[in-house]
Each structure stands twice: as structure tokens, then as C-alpha cells.
Amino acid sequence: MKNLIKDLMRSKAGLIGAILLLLIVFVAVFAPFLDLPDPTRGDLRARLAGPTWDGLFSPGAHPLGTDEVGRDILSRMIHGSRVTLLVATTAVVLGGIVGTALGIWAGYKGGLVDRVLMRLVDIQLAIPLMLLALLVVAALGPSLRNVVLVLALTSWIRYARIIRAQVLSLREREFVQSAHAIGASTMRIMFFHILPNVLTPALVVGTLELARIIIMDSALSFLGLGVQPPTPSWGRMLADGRVYISSAWWTVTFPGLAIVLTVLSVNLFGDWLRDYFDPKTRNKK
């Protein structure tokens, strides 16, 4: 753990990504305890009010302005981060569990099981993931549960391919062969001997997948197929504010920056995490 922190401190990009990500997560978690206006309640008297820092801490202040119905943009952005991070994290975890389990199973068993699962992966990769998500959400209906399930459906294939490749190598290692020789069951070998050795690549894949899922969730919300109003979401804020982009630039600029900074922080941290756990990359430094 100490070595990990020291290596992170030496990487400027990784450190910036980690700090930004921790700050975004901290604000999202503690949003209910912040003194913010109701993100779903509008005030037509303050409709499309521009950003201002005058009276920042006074009641009714709108430091990032208001939207077309007078809702505070800062409050909606912060509460929207809770929805985005909840959807993305849940989808990544579900996709990771399913993809890792199938990858271990395919890599260890081989034969017909491996061929069938890998053909399923190839078929899904042949379909644009955004198109697949649009079709499934349109068929099931937009809701928080359906969005999470659809995004997890687009995520498991990356885990399965990478974990399978790791297991193909691990199953020939001495400790796995020894466990098999003493009569350990297949489930015990996969769970106690192989799984701990593939958790690191699964973690790296999950970190990088998080950025992609955030973008897909925002895109679905922008198209009206994500989390439905009145629950705030960054994609919905972009969709609502695009009509006023010429007269009220803040309605789309700040939600857009929130998406960019979140994805950037996840990518920077994920790239560092991948380099840290890759011996070849670490040796080059």
C-alpha cells in the first residue's frame, strides 16, 4: 500500500486524476448535507439568471446561474453527479462480476464452453454498443434499473476477454496443477486459486470502463432514455439547455464541464493504475 501511494505521488497525471475523482465522489456523497437549493424546484422569477458570485453565501444565490425554469444549476449538477456515479459504478460492478466469472469459466474449462462464450463476445462486439443500449432501453423503457442493466450488458464482454486471456496462462501454472493433482474441485480451483490472481486486471478494466459508462449514461439521458425527470442528470441538463445555448451558455457549459472533468479524472487514474500493475511498463520508468 505504501509503495502504491509513493508511486501515485510520483505520477503527476495519476495524482491529479485521483484528487479530482476523490473530490467529485466526496461532493456527490455528501450532497444531501450541503446547504443547496432543491434541484427539482424552479423559480420563474429567476429564469435563466446568469452566473454571479455576488452574495455567494446568501440564501437564493445562484453562483452557476439557473436553467429555463429557474432551477439552480450548481445544485442540479451536484445532485446529478450522485445519479451518474451510482449508475456507472453499479453497471461496472455488475458487468465486472458477470464478465470475470464467465472469463474464468471459459479460460479454465476451454473446449466447447470457451468457443461458445467467445463467439457470444464476438457477436456483441460486432454490434455498436451505443446502438445496442438504445435498442434495449427503448424496448424495456427508460428507468434507473433498466439503464443500469443495459450498461452492464455492454460492459461484461471486456472483462470476459481480458480475464480469459489471463486464465489461459494461469491454468498451466504450478500452483493450479498442484491443486488439480490433489483432487481439488473445479469450483475450488477457480474461486480460491485463479480468482485472486485476476482481481488486479479486473480492477484496472473496471476503472477504465467507468469513464465509458459515464459517457454512455450521459448520452442516454441526453436522448431522453436515461433517468427520467424530475431526477437531475448531466445528460438531461445538456438536452434541456441546448435550446438556450446562444443566449444562456451556462446551461450547457457547466454540465458539459462536469462530464469532461469526471471522465478525464477517471481516465488519468485508470491509466496510472494500469501502468502501475504492468511490470513491463514499470520497468521502463
C-alpha atoms as a PDB file:
ATOM      1  CA  MET A   1       0.000   0.000   0.000  1.00  0.00           C
ATOM      2  CA  LYS A   2       2.832   2.380   0.847  1.00  0.00           C
ATOM      3  CA  ASN A   3       4.545   1.636  -2.463  1.00  0.00           C
ATOM      4  CA  LEU A   4       1.308   2.288  -4.320  1.00  0.00           C
ATOM      5  CA  ILE A   5       0.864   5.687  -2.666  1.00  0.00           C
ATOM      6  CA  LYS A   6       4.514   6.618  -3.289  1.00  0.00           C
ATOM      7  CA  ASP A   7       4.208   5.681  -6.957  1.00  0.00           C
ATOM      8  CA  LEU A   8       0.995   7.689  -7.228  1.00  0.00           C
ATOM      9  CA  MET A   9       2.698  10.729  -5.701  1.00  0.00           C
ATOM     10  CA  ARG A  10       5.430  10.497  -8.349  1.00  0.00           C
ATOM     11  CA  SER A  11       2.897  10.473 -11.199  1.00  0.00           C
ATOM     12  CA  LYS A  12       1.527  13.967 -11.805  1.00  0.00           C
ATOM     13  CA  ALA A  13      -1.231  12.807 -14.142  1.00  0.00           C
ATOM     14  CA  GLY A  14      -2.287   9.953 -11.859  1.00  0.00           C
ATOM     15  CA  LEU A  15      -2.248  12.196  -8.793  1.00  0.00           C
ATOM     16  CA  ILE A  16      -4.347  14.883 -10.496  1.00  0.00           C
ATOM     17  CA  GLY A  17      -6.820  12.237 -11.641  1.00  0.00           C
ATOM     18  CA  ALA A  18      -7.045  10.711  -8.163  1.00  0.00           C
ATOM     19  CA  ILE A  19      -7.574  14.090  -6.467  1.00  0.00           C
ATOM     20  CA  LEU A  20     -10.243  15.160  -8.947  1.00  0.00           C
ATOM     21  CA  LEU A  21     -12.029  11.831  -8.672  1.00  0.00           C
ATOM     22  CA  LEU A  22     -11.954  11.867  -4.870  1.00  0.00           C
ATOM     23  CA  LEU A  23     -13.288  15.439  -4.848  1.00  0.00           C
ATOM     24  CA  ILE A  24     -16.154  14.544  -7.214  1.00  0.00           C
ATOM     25  CA  VAL A  25     -17.048  11.454  -5.186  1.00  0.00           C
ATOM     26  CA  PHE A  26     -16.846  13.394  -1.912  1.00  0.00           C
ATOM     27  CA  VAL A  27     -19.196  16.118  -3.168  1.00  0.00           C
ATOM     28  CA  ALA A  28     -21.614  13.532  -4.568  1.00  0.00           C
ATOM     29  CA  VAL A  29     -21.721  11.505  -1.336  1.00  0.00           C
ATOM     30  CA  PHE A  30     -22.234  14.500   0.930  1.00  0.00           C
ATOM     31  CA  ALA A  31     -24.593  16.418  -1.362  1.00  0.00           C
ATOM     32  CA  PRO A  32     -27.625  15.884   0.956  1.00  0.00           C
ATOM     33  CA  PHE A  33     -25.737  17.567   3.794  1.00  0.00           C
ATOM     34  CA  LEU A  34     -24.820  20.664   1.778  1.00  0.00           C
ATOM     35  CA  ASP A  35     -26.967  23.776   2.025  1.00  0.00           C
ATOM     36  CA  LEU A  36     -28.163  23.701  -1.582  1.00  0.00           C
ATOM     37  CA  PRO A  37     -31.457  24.717  -3.182  1.00  0.00           C
ATOM     38  CA  ASP A  38     -33.896  21.986  -4.147  1.00  0.00           C
ATOM     39  CA  PRO A  39     -32.648  20.760  -7.557  1.00  0.00           C
ATOM     40  CA  THR A  40     -36.189  19.977  -8.708  1.00  0.00           C
ATOM     41  CA  ARG A  41     -37.880  23.244  -7.662  1.00  0.00           C
ATOM     42  CA  GLY A  42     -37.878  26.136 -10.098  1.00  0.00           C
ATOM     43  CA  ASP A  43     -38.446  29.852  -9.714  1.00  0.00           C
ATOM     44  CA  LEU A  44     -39.659  31.546 -12.885  1.00  0.00           C
ATOM     45  CA  ARG A  45     -38.674  34.927 -11.473  1.00  0.00           C
ATOM     46  CA  ALA A  46     -35.027  33.776 -11.635  1.00  0.00           C
ATOM     47  CA  ARG A  47     -35.374  32.072 -15.020  1.00  0.00           C
ATOM     48  CA  LEU A  48     -32.085  31.897 -16.994  1.00  0.00           C
ATOM     49  CA  ALA A  49     -30.250  34.027 -14.443  1.00  0.00           C
ATOM     50  CA  GLY A  50     -26.560  34.239 -15.291  1.00  0.00           C
ATOM     51  CA  PRO A  51     -23.702  33.077 -13.048  1.00  0.00           C
ATOM     52  CA  THR A  52     -22.812  35.518 -10.306  1.00  0.00           C
ATOM     53  CA  TRP A  53     -20.578  35.458  -7.245  1.00  0.00           C
ATOM     54  CA  ASP A  54     -22.325  38.382  -5.544  1.00  0.00           C
ATOM     55  CA  GLY A  55     -23.815  37.251  -2.260  1.00  0.00           C
ATOM     56  CA  LEU A  56     -22.408  33.745  -2.779  1.00  0.00           C
ATOM     57  CA  PHE A  57     -23.338  32.510   0.676  1.00  0.00           C
ATOM     58  CA  SER A  58     -26.650  34.327   0.909  1.00  0.00           C
ATOM     59  CA  PRO A  59     -29.960  32.461   0.558  1.00  0.00           C
ATOM     60  CA  GLY A  60     -31.165  32.242  -3.025  1.00  0.00           C
ATOM     61  CA  ALA A  61     -27.719  32.750  -4.561  1.00  0.00           C
ATOM     62  CA  HIS A  62     -27.047  31.042  -7.897  1.00  0.00           C
ATOM     63  CA  PRO A  63     -23.252  31.025  -8.478  1.00  0.00           C
ATOM     64  CA  LEU A  64     -23.572  28.991 -11.714  1.00  0.00           C
ATOM     65  CA  GLY A  65     -26.859  30.534 -12.805  1.00  0.00           C
ATOM     66  CA  THR A  66     -30.268  28.954 -13.343  1.00  0.00           C
ATOM     67  CA  ASP A  67     -31.913  26.991 -16.128  1.00  0.00           C
ATOM     68  CA  GLU A  68     -35.006  27.641 -18.239  1.00  0.00           C
ATOM     69  CA  VAL A  69     -37.410  27.159 -15.315  1.00  0.00           C
ATOM     70  CA  GLY A  70     -35.284  28.828 -12.651  1.00  0.00           C
ATOM     71  CA  ARG A  71     -33.666  25.734 -11.103  1.00  0.00           C
ATOM     72  CA  ASP A  72     -30.212  26.204  -9.593  1.00  0.00           C
ATOM     73  CA  ILE A  73     -27.596  24.699 -11.928  1.00  0.00           C
ATOM     74  CA  LEU A  74     -24.971  24.102  -9.213  1.00  0.00           C
ATOM     75  CA  SER A  75     -27.452  22.145  -7.115  1.00  0.00           C
ATOM     76  CA  ARG A  76     -28.606  20.129 -10.129  1.00  0.00           C
ATOM     77  CA  MET A  77     -25.013  19.368 -11.130  1.00  0.00           C
ATOM     78  CA  ILE A  78     -24.084  18.119  -7.664  1.00  0.00           C
ATOM     79  CA  HIS A  79     -27.211  16.014  -7.256  1.00  0.00           C
ATOM     80  CA  GLY A  80     -26.846  14.836 -10.846  1.00  0.00           C
ATOM     81  CA  SER A  81     -23.358  13.558 -10.018  1.00  0.00           C
ATOM     82  CA  ARG A  82     -24.944  11.215  -7.467  1.00  0.00           C
ATOM     83  CA  VAL A  83     -27.141   9.677 -10.152  1.00  0.00           C
ATOM     84  CA  THR A  84     -24.353   9.430 -12.720  1.00  0.00           C
ATOM     85  CA  LEU A  85     -21.845   7.873 -10.328  1.00  0.00           C
ATOM     86  CA  LEU A  86     -24.467   5.488  -8.909  1.00  0.00           C
ATOM     87  CA  VAL A  87     -25.487   4.269 -12.365  1.00  0.00           C
ATOM     88  CA  ALA A  88     -21.910   3.995 -13.653  1.00  0.00           C
ATOM     89  CA  THR A  89     -20.497   2.293 -10.556  1.00  0.00           C
ATOM     90  CA  THR A  90     -23.353  -0.205 -10.305  1.00  0.00           C
ATOM     91  CA  ALA A  91     -23.129  -1.052 -14.009  1.00  0.00           C
ATOM     92  CA  VAL A  92     -19.347  -1.511 -13.815  1.00  0.00           C
ATOM     93  CA  VAL A  93     -19.635  -3.767 -10.746  1.00  0.00           C
ATOM     94  CA  LEU A  94     -22.383  -5.913 -12.282  1.00  0.00           C
ATOM     95  CA  GLY A  95     -20.572  -6.150 -15.601  1.00  0.00           C
ATOM     96  CA  GLY A  96     -17.340  -6.959 -13.779  1.00  0.00           C
ATOM     97  CA  ILE A  97     -18.874  -9.773 -11.745  1.00  0.00           C
ATOM     98  CA  VAL A  98     -20.528 -11.395 -14.762  1.00  0.00           C
ATOM     99  CA  GLY A  99     -17.603 -10.847 -17.139  1.00  0.00           C
ATOM    100  CA  THR A 100     -14.962 -12.036 -14.651  1.00  0.00           C
ATOM    101  CA  ALA A 101     -16.946 -15.174 -13.788  1.00  0.00           C
ATOM    102  CA  LEU A 102     -17.516 -16.047 -17.438  1.00  0.00           C
ATOM    103  CA  GLY A 103     -13.905 -15.238 -18.341  1.00  0.00           C
ATOM    104  CA  ILE A 104     -12.579 -17.562 -15.623  1.00  0.00           C
ATOM    105  CA  TRP A 105     -15.003 -20.296 -16.634  1.00  0.00           C
ATOM    106  CA  ALA A 106     -14.172 -20.051 -20.335  1.00  0.00           C
ATOM    107  CA  GLY A 107     -10.420 -19.842 -19.783  1.00  0.00           C
ATOM    108  CA  TYR A 108     -10.221 -22.733 -17.341  1.00  0.00           C
ATOM    109  CA  LYS A 109     -12.687 -25.134 -18.936  1.00  0.00           C
ATOM    110  CA  GLY A 110     -11.696 -24.453 -22.551  1.00  0.00           C
ATOM    111  CA  GLY A 111     -13.223 -26.568 -25.299  1.00  0.00           C
ATOM    112  CA  LEU A 112     -16.870 -26.026 -26.217  1.00  0.00           C
ATOM    113  CA  VAL A 113     -17.543 -23.714 -23.279  1.00  0.00           C
ATOM    114  CA  ASP A 114     -14.723 -21.413 -24.338  1.00  0.00           C
ATOM    115  CA  ARG A 115     -15.732 -21.404 -28.006  1.00  0.00           C
ATOM    116  CA  VAL A 116     -19.403 -20.646 -27.298  1.00  0.00           C
ATOM    117  CA  LEU A 117     -18.677 -17.808 -24.851  1.00  0.00           C
ATOM    118  CA  MET A 118     -16.084 -16.217 -27.094  1.00  0.00           C
ATOM    119  CA  ARG A 119     -18.453 -16.350 -30.076  1.00  0.00           C
ATOM    120  CA  LEU A 120     -21.046 -14.549 -27.947  1.00  0.00           C
ATOM    121  CA  VAL A 121     -18.429 -11.923 -27.167  1.00  0.00           C
ATOM    122  CA  ASP A 122     -17.585 -11.577 -30.876  1.00  0.00           C
ATOM    123  CA  ILE A 123     -21.254 -11.207 -31.792  1.00  0.00           C
ATOM    124  CA  GLN A 124     -21.820  -8.476 -29.219  1.00  0.00           C
ATOM    125  CA  LEU A 125     -18.649  -6.665 -30.250  1.00  0.00           C
ATOM    126  CA  ALA A 126     -19.917  -6.644 -33.835  1.00  0.00           C
ATOM    127  CA  ILE A 127     -22.913  -4.572 -32.701  1.00  0.00           C
ATOM    128  CA  PRO A 128     -22.202  -0.920 -31.807  1.00  0.00           C
ATOM    129  CA  LEU A 129     -22.607  -0.780 -28.038  1.00  0.00           C
ATOM    130  CA  MET A 130     -24.449   2.536 -28.092  1.00  0.00           C
ATOM    131  CA  LEU A 131     -26.913   1.182 -30.646  1.00  0.00           C
ATOM    132  CA  LEU A 132     -27.432  -1.928 -28.521  1.00  0.00           C
ATOM    133  CA  ALA A 133     -28.064   0.213 -25.441  1.00  0.00           C
ATOM    134  CA  LEU A 134     -30.549   2.411 -27.331  1.00  0.00           C
ATOM    135  CA  LEU A 135     -32.482  -0.604 -28.623  1.00  0.00           C
ATOM    136  CA  VAL A 136     -32.705  -2.329 -25.247  1.00  0.00           C
ATOM    137  CA  VAL A 137     -33.659   0.793 -23.283  1.00  0.00           C
ATOM    138  CA  ALA A 138     -36.244   1.748 -25.907  1.00  0.00           C
ATOM    139  CA  ALA A 139     -37.735  -1.748 -25.652  1.00  0.00           C
ATOM    140  CA  LEU A 140     -37.713  -2.011 -21.839  1.00  0.00           C
ATOM    141  CA  GLY A 141     -38.497   1.634 -21.121  1.00  0.00           C
ATOM    142  CA  PRO A 142     -36.298   4.308 -19.514  1.00  0.00           C
ATOM    143  CA  SER A 143     -35.742   3.821 -15.789  1.00  0.00           C
ATOM    144  CA  LEU A 144     -32.825   3.703 -13.371  1.00  0.00           C
ATOM    145  CA  ARG A 145     -32.914  -0.102 -13.178  1.00  0.00           C
ATOM    146  CA  ASN A 146     -33.114  -0.613 -16.937  1.00  0.00           C
ATOM    147  CA  VAL A 147     -30.288   1.845 -17.622  1.00  0.00           C
ATOM    148  CA  VAL A 148     -28.020   0.066 -15.133  1.00  0.00           C
ATOM    149  CA  LEU A 149     -28.813  -3.356 -16.624  1.00  0.00           C
ATOM    150  CA  VAL A 150     -28.244  -2.158 -20.183  1.00  0.00           C
ATOM    151  CA  LEU A 151     -24.929  -0.509 -19.361  1.00  0.00           C
ATOM    152  CA  ALA A 152     -23.800  -3.640 -17.503  1.00  0.00           C
ATOM    153  CA  LEU A 153     -24.759  -5.654 -20.596  1.00  0.00           C
ATOM    154  CA  THR A 154     -22.369  -3.568 -22.698  1.00  0.00           C
ATOM    155  CA  SER A 155     -19.576  -3.878 -20.121  1.00  0.00           C
ATOM    156  CA  TRP A 156     -19.162  -7.592 -19.339  1.00  0.00           C
ATOM    157  CA  ILE A 157     -17.527  -8.507 -22.667  1.00  0.00           C
ATOM    158  CA  ARG A 158     -14.351  -6.514 -21.964  1.00  0.00           C
ATOM    159  CA  TYR A 159     -13.858  -8.266 -18.633  1.00  0.00           C
ATOM    160  CA  ALA A 160     -14.540 -11.673 -20.184  1.00  0.00           C
ATOM    161  CA  ARG A 161     -11.942 -11.321 -22.940  1.00  0.00           C
ATOM    162  CA  ILE A 162      -9.160  -9.978 -20.724  1.00  0.00           C
ATOM    163  CA  ILE A 163      -9.790 -12.350 -17.806  1.00  0.00           C
ATOM    164  CA  ARG A 164      -9.986 -15.347 -20.163  1.00  0.00           C
ATOM    165  CA  ALA A 165      -6.571 -14.465 -21.585  1.00  0.00           C
ATOM    166  CA  GLN A 166      -5.147 -14.285 -18.049  1.00  0.00           C
ATOM    167  CA  VAL A 167      -6.671 -17.622 -17.058  1.00  0.00           C
ATOM    168  CA  LEU A 168      -5.300 -19.412 -20.134  1.00  0.00           C
ATOM    169  CA  SER A 169      -1.857 -18.663 -18.738  1.00  0.00           C
ATOM    170  CA  LEU A 170      -2.688 -19.239 -15.073  1.00  0.00           C
ATOM    171  CA  ARG A 171      -4.212 -22.692 -15.578  1.00  0.00           C
ATOM    172  CA  GLU A 172      -0.798 -24.009 -16.674  1.00  0.00           C
ATOM    173  CA  ARG A 173       0.975 -22.647 -13.589  1.00  0.00           C
ATOM    174  CA  GLU A 174       2.350 -24.999 -10.951  1.00  0.00           C
ATOM    175  CA  PHE A 175       0.015 -23.967  -8.124  1.00  0.00           C
ATOM    176  CA  VAL A 176      -3.067 -24.680 -10.258  1.00  0.00           C
ATOM    177  CA  GLN A 177      -1.682 -28.002 -11.477  1.00  0.00           C
ATOM    178  CA  SER A 178      -0.832 -28.952  -7.902  1.00  0.00           C
ATOM    179  CA  ALA A 179      -4.345 -28.146  -6.695  1.00  0.00           C
ATOM    180  CA  HIS A 180      -5.769 -30.238  -9.512  1.00  0.00           C
ATOM    181  CA  ALA A 181      -3.392 -33.126  -8.691  1.00  0.00           C
ATOM    182  CA  ILE A 182      -4.503 -33.333  -5.049  1.00  0.00           C
ATOM    183  CA  GLY A 183      -8.136 -33.583  -6.135  1.00  0.00           C
ATOM    184  CA  ALA A 184      -9.394 -30.021  -5.627  1.00  0.00           C
ATOM    185  CA  SER A 185     -12.721 -29.406  -7.327  1.00  0.00           C
ATOM    186  CA  THR A 186     -13.044 -27.181 -10.356  1.00  0.00           C
ATOM    187  CA  MET A 187     -15.030 -24.580  -8.408  1.00  0.00           C
ATOM    188  CA  ARG A 188     -12.442 -24.505  -5.631  1.00  0.00           C
ATOM    189  CA  ILE A 189      -9.580 -24.053  -8.096  1.00  0.00           C
ATOM    190  CA  MET A 190     -11.388 -21.254  -9.950  1.00  0.00           C
ATOM    191  CA  PHE A 191     -12.531 -19.467  -6.798  1.00  0.00           C
ATOM    192  CA  PHE A 192      -9.555 -19.872  -4.424  1.00  0.00           C
ATOM    193  CA  HIS A 193      -6.593 -20.219  -6.791  1.00  0.00           C
ATOM    194  CA  ILE A 194      -7.421 -18.378 -10.016  1.00  0.00           C
ATOM    195  CA  LEU A 195      -9.785 -15.592  -8.932  1.00  0.00           C
ATOM    196  CA  PRO A 196      -7.300 -13.843  -6.565  1.00  0.00           C
ATOM    197  CA  ASN A 197      -4.776 -13.690  -9.418  1.00  0.00           C
ATOM    198  CA  VAL A 198      -7.165 -11.979 -11.856  1.00  0.00           C
ATOM    199  CA  LEU A 199      -8.612  -9.377  -9.496  1.00  0.00           C
ATOM    200  CA  THR A 200      -5.907  -6.836 -10.382  1.00  0.00           C
ATOM    201  CA  PRO A 201      -6.558  -6.813 -14.159  1.00  0.00           C
ATOM    202  CA  ALA A 202     -10.301  -6.812 -13.425  1.00  0.00           C
ATOM    203  CA  LEU A 203      -9.848  -3.713 -11.240  1.00  0.00           C
ATOM    204  CA  VAL A 204      -7.898  -1.934 -13.973  1.00  0.00           C
ATOM    205  CA  VAL A 205     -10.530  -2.805 -16.588  1.00  0.00           C
ATOM    206  CA  GLY A 206     -13.276  -1.606 -14.247  1.00  0.00           C
ATOM    207  CA  THR A 207     -11.582   1.753 -13.716  1.00  0.00           C
ATOM    208  CA  LEU A 208     -11.250   2.366 -17.447  1.00  0.00           C
ATOM    209  CA  GLU A 209     -14.784   1.085 -18.094  1.00  0.00           C
ATOM    210  CA  LEU A 210     -16.158   3.602 -15.607  1.00  0.00           C
ATOM    211  CA  ALA A 211     -15.292   6.508 -17.922  1.00  0.00           C
ATOM    212  CA  ARG A 212     -17.003   4.865 -20.902  1.00  0.00           C
ATOM    213  CA  ILE A 213     -20.119   4.081 -18.873  1.00  0.00           C
ATOM    214  CA  ILE A 214     -20.362   7.697 -17.660  1.00  0.00           C
ATOM    215  CA  ILE A 215     -20.338   8.912 -21.266  1.00  0.00           C
ATOM    216  CA  MET A 216     -22.935   6.317 -22.344  1.00  0.00           C
ATOM    217  CA  ASP A 217     -25.190   7.176 -19.401  1.00  0.00           C
ATOM    218  CA  SER A 218     -24.971  10.880 -20.262  1.00  0.00           C
ATOM    219  CA  ALA A 219     -25.750  10.111 -23.909  1.00  0.00           C
ATOM    220  CA  LEU A 220     -28.819   8.058 -22.974  1.00  0.00           C
ATOM    221  CA  SER A 221     -30.034  10.827 -20.674  1.00  0.00           C
ATOM    222  CA  PHE A 222     -29.442  13.398 -23.420  1.00  0.00           C
ATOM    223  CA  LEU A 223     -31.673  11.354 -25.745  1.00  0.00           C
ATOM    224  CA  GLY A 224     -34.380  11.043 -23.093  1.00  0.00           C
ATOM    225  CA  LEU A 225     -33.737   7.329 -22.429  1.00  0.00           C
ATOM    226  CA  GLY A 226     -31.844   7.680 -19.178  1.00  0.00           C
ATOM    227  CA  VAL A 227     -33.004   8.543 -15.674  1.00  0.00           C
ATOM    228  CA  GLN A 228     -36.272  10.405 -16.024  1.00  0.00           C
ATOM    229  CA  PRO A 229     -37.222  13.863 -14.664  1.00  0.00           C
ATOM    230  CA  PRO A 230     -37.512  15.308 -12.096  1.00  0.00           C
ATOM    231  CA  THR A 231     -34.337  13.444 -11.069  1.00  0.00           C
ATOM    232  CA  PRO A 232     -31.439  15.613 -12.289  1.00  0.00           C
ATOM    233  CA  SER A 233     -28.761  14.128 -14.554  1.00  0.00           C
ATOM    234  CA  TRP A 234     -25.954  15.711 -16.537  1.00  0.00           C
ATOM    235  CA  GLY A 235     -27.163  14.393 -19.884  1.00  0.00           C
ATOM    236  CA  ARG A 236     -30.683  15.714 -19.299  1.00  0.00           C
ATOM    237  CA  MET A 237     -29.277  19.112 -18.329  1.00  0.00           C
ATOM    238  CA  LEU A 238     -27.416  19.257 -21.645  1.00  0.00           C
ATOM    239  CA  ALA A 239     -30.550  18.286 -23.536  1.00  0.00           C
ATOM    240  CA  ASP A 240     -32.695  20.896 -21.786  1.00  0.00           C
ATOM    241  CA  GLY A 241     -30.115  23.662 -22.148  1.00  0.00           C
ATOM    242  CA  ARG A 242     -29.106  23.154 -25.780  1.00  0.00           C
ATOM    243  CA  VAL A 243     -32.064  25.267 -26.942  1.00  0.00           C
ATOM    244  CA  TYR A 244     -30.704  28.254 -24.995  1.00  0.00           C
ATOM    245  CA  ILE A 245     -27.016  27.797 -25.823  1.00  0.00           C
ATOM    246  CA  SER A 246     -26.815  31.107 -27.731  1.00  0.00           C
ATOM    247  CA  SER A 247     -28.499  33.190 -25.032  1.00  0.00           C
ATOM    248  CA  ALA A 248     -27.682  31.237 -21.840  1.00  0.00           C
ATOM    249  CA  TRP A 249     -24.361  29.462 -22.377  1.00  0.00           C
ATOM    250  CA  TRP A 250     -24.075  28.426 -18.740  1.00  0.00           C
ATOM    251  CA  THR A 251     -26.979  25.972 -19.044  1.00  0.00           C
ATOM    252  CA  VAL A 252     -24.823  23.590 -21.108  1.00  0.00           C
ATOM    253  CA  THR A 253     -21.269  24.693 -20.324  1.00  0.00           C
ATOM    254  CA  PHE A 254     -21.167  23.691 -16.674  1.00  0.00           C
ATOM    255  CA  PRO A 255     -22.845  20.264 -17.048  1.00  0.00           C
ATOM    256  CA  GLY A 256     -20.552  19.598 -20.004  1.00  0.00           C
ATOM    257  CA  LEU A 257     -17.504  20.516 -17.940  1.00  0.00           C
ATOM    258  CA  ALA A 258     -18.701  18.198 -15.169  1.00  0.00           C
ATOM    259  CA  ILE A 259     -18.800  15.275 -17.625  1.00  0.00           C
ATOM    260  CA  VAL A 260     -15.399  16.174 -19.116  1.00  0.00           C
ATOM    261  CA  LEU A 261     -13.656  16.553 -15.745  1.00  0.00           C
ATOM    262  CA  THR A 262     -15.142  13.335 -14.366  1.00  0.00           C
ATOM    263  CA  VAL A 263     -14.193  11.278 -17.417  1.00  0.00           C
ATOM    264  CA  LEU A 264     -10.747  12.893 -17.527  1.00  0.00           C
ATOM    265  CA  SER A 265     -10.074  12.143 -13.857  1.00  0.00           C
ATOM    266  CA  VAL A 266     -11.163   8.512 -14.250  1.00  0.00           C
ATOM    267  CA  ASN A 267      -9.008   8.077 -17.362  1.00  0.00           C
ATOM    268  CA  LEU A 268      -5.934   9.654 -15.755  1.00  0.00           C
ATOM    269  CA  PHE A 269      -6.263   7.500 -12.656  1.00  0.00           C
ATOM    270  CA  GLY A 270      -7.073   4.393 -14.701  1.00  0.00           C
ATOM    271  CA  ASP A 271      -4.041   4.893 -16.954  1.00  0.00           C
ATOM    272  CA  TRP A 272      -1.785   5.228 -13.927  1.00  0.00           C
ATOM    273  CA  LEU A 273      -3.351   2.149 -12.311  1.00  0.00           C
ATOM    274  CA  ARG A 274      -2.788   0.131 -15.492  1.00  0.00           C
ATOM    275  CA  ASP A 275       0.849   1.242 -15.703  1.00  0.00           C
ATOM    276  CA  TYR A 276       1.423   0.513 -12.015  1.00  0.00           C
ATOM    277  CA  PHE A 277       0.263  -3.096 -12.266  1.00  0.00           C
ATOM    278  CA  ASP A 278       2.017  -3.735 -15.607  1.00  0.00           C
ATOM    279  CA  PRO A 279       5.582  -4.922 -14.857  1.00  0.00           C
ATOM    280  CA  LYS A 280       6.766  -4.114 -18.392  1.00  0.00           C
ATOM    281  CA  THR A 281       5.627  -0.500 -18.087  1.00  0.00           C
ATOM    282  CA  ARG A 282       7.047  -0.085 -14.603  1.00  0.00           C
ATOM    283  CA  ASN A 283      10.432  -1.381 -15.677  1.00  0.00           C
ATOM    284  CA  LYS A 284      10.632   1.275 -18.408  1.00  0.00           C
ATOM    285  CA  LYS A 285      10.209   4.099 -15.905  1.00  0.00           C
END
